[in-house]
């Protein structure tokens, strides 16, 4: 799968997803884009947007964006706290549907 990390998702986490093509918004020159802009850009090139932004489903109509969104929710947004979520992420990636929002991790973590 071709995955896009938003600005808040730490880029070293991509090493845990070695079997997938992972890009960062910053690498693509998309840093500073709003969530809506990022989703619009992602839908043409990526299968899913990986984010730590817990508020994105309340700010955007994901179903209209034609890209899956995976929200990683951990105690902090550090790689050490997000890495334990990777096995579930890897299990769920093959079943993602465009326009779907999937939350992995701790509900109400307060981060993102």
C-alpha atoms as a PDB file:
ATOM      1  CA  UNK A   1       0.000   0.000   0.000  1.00  0.00           C
ATOM      2  CA  UNK A   2       1.023   3.582  -0.519  1.00  0.00           C
ATOM      3  CA  UNK A   3       0.726   5.495   2.755  1.00  0.00           C
ATOM      4  CA  UNK A   4       1.082   9.165   3.629  1.00  0.00           C
ATOM      5  CA  UNK A   5       2.105  10.365   7.096  1.00  0.00           C
ATOM      6  CA  UNK A   6       0.841  13.793   8.046  1.00  0.00           C
ATOM      7  CA  UNK A   7       3.141  16.325   9.713  1.00  0.00           C
ATOM      8  CA  UNK A   8       2.349  15.142  13.234  1.00  0.00           C
ATOM      9  CA  UNK A   9       3.183  11.502  12.611  1.00  0.00           C
ATOM     10  CA  UNK A  10       6.860  10.921  13.395  1.00  0.00           C
ATOM     11  CA  UNK A  11       8.681   9.890  10.226  1.00  0.00           C
ATOM     12  CA  UNK A  12      10.866   7.209  11.925  1.00  0.00           C
ATOM     13  CA  UNK A  13       7.660   5.193  12.392  1.00  0.00           C
ATOM     14  CA  UNK A  14       7.874   4.406   8.675  1.00  0.00           C
ATOM     15  CA  UNK A  15      10.653   1.908   9.418  1.00  0.00           C
ATOM     16  CA  UNK A  16       8.033  -0.306  11.089  1.00  0.00           C
ATOM     17  CA  UNK A  17       6.074  -0.378   7.824  1.00  0.00           C
ATOM     18  CA  UNK A  18       8.869  -1.592   5.562  1.00  0.00           C
ATOM     19  CA  UNK A  19       6.598  -3.658   3.310  1.00  0.00           C
ATOM     20  CA  UNK A  20       4.624  -0.547   2.374  1.00  0.00           C
ATOM     21  CA  UNK A  21       5.511   2.570   0.435  1.00  0.00           C
ATOM     22  CA  UNK A  22       5.486   5.351   3.028  1.00  0.00           C
ATOM     23  CA  UNK A  23       5.822   9.052   2.294  1.00  0.00           C
ATOM     24  CA  UNK A  24       5.637  12.045   4.596  1.00  0.00           C
ATOM     25  CA  UNK A  25       3.764  15.259   3.922  1.00  0.00           C
ATOM     26  CA  UNK A  26       6.992  17.152   4.556  1.00  0.00           C
ATOM     27  CA  UNK A  27       8.946  15.112   2.008  1.00  0.00           C
ATOM     28  CA  UNK A  28       6.246  15.773  -0.589  1.00  0.00           C
ATOM     29  CA  UNK A  29       6.442  19.509   0.131  1.00  0.00           C
ATOM     30  CA  UNK A  30       2.989  19.485   1.683  1.00  0.00           C
ATOM     31  CA  UNK A  31       3.941  20.666   5.163  1.00  0.00           C
ATOM     32  CA  UNK A  32       1.755  23.501   6.353  1.00  0.00           C
ATOM     33  CA  UNK A  33      -1.268  22.247   4.397  1.00  0.00           C
ATOM     34  CA  UNK A  34      -4.603  22.157   6.186  1.00  0.00           C
ATOM     35  CA  UNK A  35      -6.179  18.751   6.819  1.00  0.00           C
ATOM     36  CA  UNK A  36      -8.642  19.360   3.995  1.00  0.00           C
ATOM     37  CA  UNK A  37      -5.901  20.248   1.540  1.00  0.00           C
ATOM     38  CA  UNK A  38      -3.819  17.266   2.610  1.00  0.00           C
ATOM     39  CA  UNK A  39      -6.740  14.875   2.182  1.00  0.00           C
ATOM     40  CA  UNK A  40      -7.469  16.264  -1.281  1.00  0.00           C
ATOM     41  CA  UNK A  41      -3.827  15.830  -2.309  1.00  0.00           C
ATOM     42  CA  UNK A  42      -3.622  12.345  -0.778  1.00  0.00           C
ATOM     43  CA  UNK A  43      -6.693  10.913  -2.495  1.00  0.00           C
ATOM     44  CA  UNK A  44      -5.089  10.856  -5.939  1.00  0.00           C
ATOM     45  CA  UNK A  45      -1.830   9.171  -4.961  1.00  0.00           C
ATOM     46  CA  UNK A  46      -2.247   7.332  -1.660  1.00  0.00           C
ATOM     47  CA  UNK A  47      -4.321   4.511  -0.246  1.00  0.00           C
ATOM     48  CA  UNK A  48      -4.367   5.924   3.270  1.00  0.00           C
ATOM     49  CA  UNK A  49      -3.398   8.923   5.361  1.00  0.00           C
ATOM     50  CA  UNK A  50      -1.814   7.982   8.689  1.00  0.00           C
ATOM     51  CA  UNK A  51      -2.269  10.659  11.331  1.00  0.00           C
ATOM     52  CA  UNK A  52      -2.043  11.297  15.056  1.00  0.00           C
ATOM     53  CA  UNK A  53      -4.583  14.135  14.773  1.00  0.00           C
ATOM     54  CA  UNK A  54      -7.464  12.919  16.933  1.00  0.00           C
ATOM     55  CA  UNK A  55      -9.751  15.711  15.719  1.00  0.00           C
ATOM     56  CA  UNK A  56      -9.599  15.130  11.970  1.00  0.00           C
ATOM     57  CA  UNK A  57     -12.932  13.229  11.752  1.00  0.00           C
ATOM     58  CA  UNK A  58     -14.692  16.170  13.417  1.00  0.00           C
ATOM     59  CA  UNK A  59     -13.042  18.718  11.127  1.00  0.00           C
ATOM     60  CA  UNK A  60     -13.371  16.972   7.758  1.00  0.00           C
ATOM     61  CA  UNK A  61     -15.922  14.893   5.876  1.00  0.00           C
ATOM     62  CA  UNK A  62     -13.615  11.943   5.258  1.00  0.00           C
ATOM     63  CA  UNK A  63     -16.207   9.961   3.300  1.00  0.00           C
ATOM     64  CA  UNK A  64     -16.069  12.594   0.538  1.00  0.00           C
ATOM     65  CA  UNK A  65     -12.278  12.511   0.278  1.00  0.00           C
ATOM     66  CA  UNK A  66     -11.925   9.014  -1.220  1.00  0.00           C
ATOM     67  CA  UNK A  67      -8.908   8.130   0.902  1.00  0.00           C
ATOM     68  CA  UNK A  68      -8.800   6.022   4.065  1.00  0.00           C
ATOM     69  CA  UNK A  69      -7.657   7.731   7.254  1.00  0.00           C
ATOM     70  CA  UNK A  70      -5.983   5.877  10.097  1.00  0.00           C
ATOM     71  CA  UNK A  71      -5.721   7.698  13.415  1.00  0.00           C
ATOM     72  CA  UNK A  72      -3.037   6.438  15.763  1.00  0.00           C
ATOM     73  CA  UNK A  73      -3.843   7.227  19.397  1.00  0.00           C
ATOM     74  CA  UNK A  74      -1.192   6.671  22.038  1.00  0.00           C
ATOM     75  CA  UNK A  75      -0.108   8.264  25.315  1.00  0.00           C
ATOM     76  CA  UNK A  76       2.193  10.575  23.321  1.00  0.00           C
ATOM     77  CA  UNK A  77       3.066  11.000  19.657  1.00  0.00           C
ATOM     78  CA  UNK A  78       6.587   9.668  20.167  1.00  0.00           C
ATOM     79  CA  UNK A  79       7.677   6.655  18.139  1.00  0.00           C
ATOM     80  CA  UNK A  80       8.188   4.665  21.348  1.00  0.00           C
ATOM     81  CA  UNK A  81       4.515   5.076  22.228  1.00  0.00           C
ATOM     82  CA  UNK A  82       3.171   4.635  18.692  1.00  0.00           C
ATOM     83  CA  UNK A  83       5.245   1.555  17.777  1.00  0.00           C
ATOM     84  CA  UNK A  84       3.083  -0.853  19.853  1.00  0.00           C
ATOM     85  CA  UNK A  85       0.144   0.143  17.619  1.00  0.00           C
ATOM     86  CA  UNK A  86       1.906  -1.019  14.454  1.00  0.00           C
ATOM     87  CA  UNK A  87       0.874  -4.708  14.618  1.00  0.00           C
ATOM     88  CA  UNK A  88      -2.812  -3.728  14.632  1.00  0.00           C
ATOM     89  CA  UNK A  89      -2.159  -1.157  11.905  1.00  0.00           C
ATOM     90  CA  UNK A  90      -0.521  -3.812   9.744  1.00  0.00           C
ATOM     91  CA  UNK A  91      -3.423  -6.193  10.360  1.00  0.00           C
ATOM     92  CA  UNK A  92      -5.988  -3.588   9.345  1.00  0.00           C
ATOM     93  CA  UNK A  93      -4.286  -2.020   6.333  1.00  0.00           C
ATOM     94  CA  UNK A  94      -5.387  -4.691   3.809  1.00  0.00           C
ATOM     95  CA  UNK A  95      -9.023  -4.143   4.755  1.00  0.00           C
ATOM     96  CA  UNK A  96      -9.167  -0.341   4.648  1.00  0.00           C
ATOM     97  CA  UNK A  97     -11.803   1.238   2.451  1.00  0.00           C
ATOM     98  CA  UNK A  98     -11.554   4.657   0.881  1.00  0.00           C
ATOM     99  CA  UNK A  99     -13.537   7.222   2.852  1.00  0.00           C
ATOM    100  CA  UNK A 100     -13.214   5.200   6.050  1.00  0.00           C
ATOM    101  CA  UNK A 101     -11.756   6.413   9.335  1.00  0.00           C
ATOM    102  CA  UNK A 102     -10.079   3.819  11.546  1.00  0.00           C
ATOM    103  CA  UNK A 103      -8.820   4.612  15.044  1.00  0.00           C
ATOM    104  CA  UNK A 104      -6.096   2.428  16.497  1.00  0.00           C
ATOM    105  CA  UNK A 105      -5.026   2.765  20.088  1.00  0.00           C
ATOM    106  CA  UNK A 106      -6.254   4.544  23.172  1.00  0.00           C
ATOM    107  CA  UNK A 107      -9.584   6.363  22.900  1.00  0.00           C
ATOM    108  CA  UNK A 108      -9.426   9.868  24.286  1.00  0.00           C
ATOM    109  CA  UNK A 109      -5.640   9.946  24.478  1.00  0.00           C
ATOM    110  CA  UNK A 110      -5.754  13.739  24.298  1.00  0.00           C
ATOM    111  CA  UNK A 111      -2.852  13.935  21.876  1.00  0.00           C
ATOM    112  CA  UNK A 112      -2.864  15.044  18.264  1.00  0.00           C
END
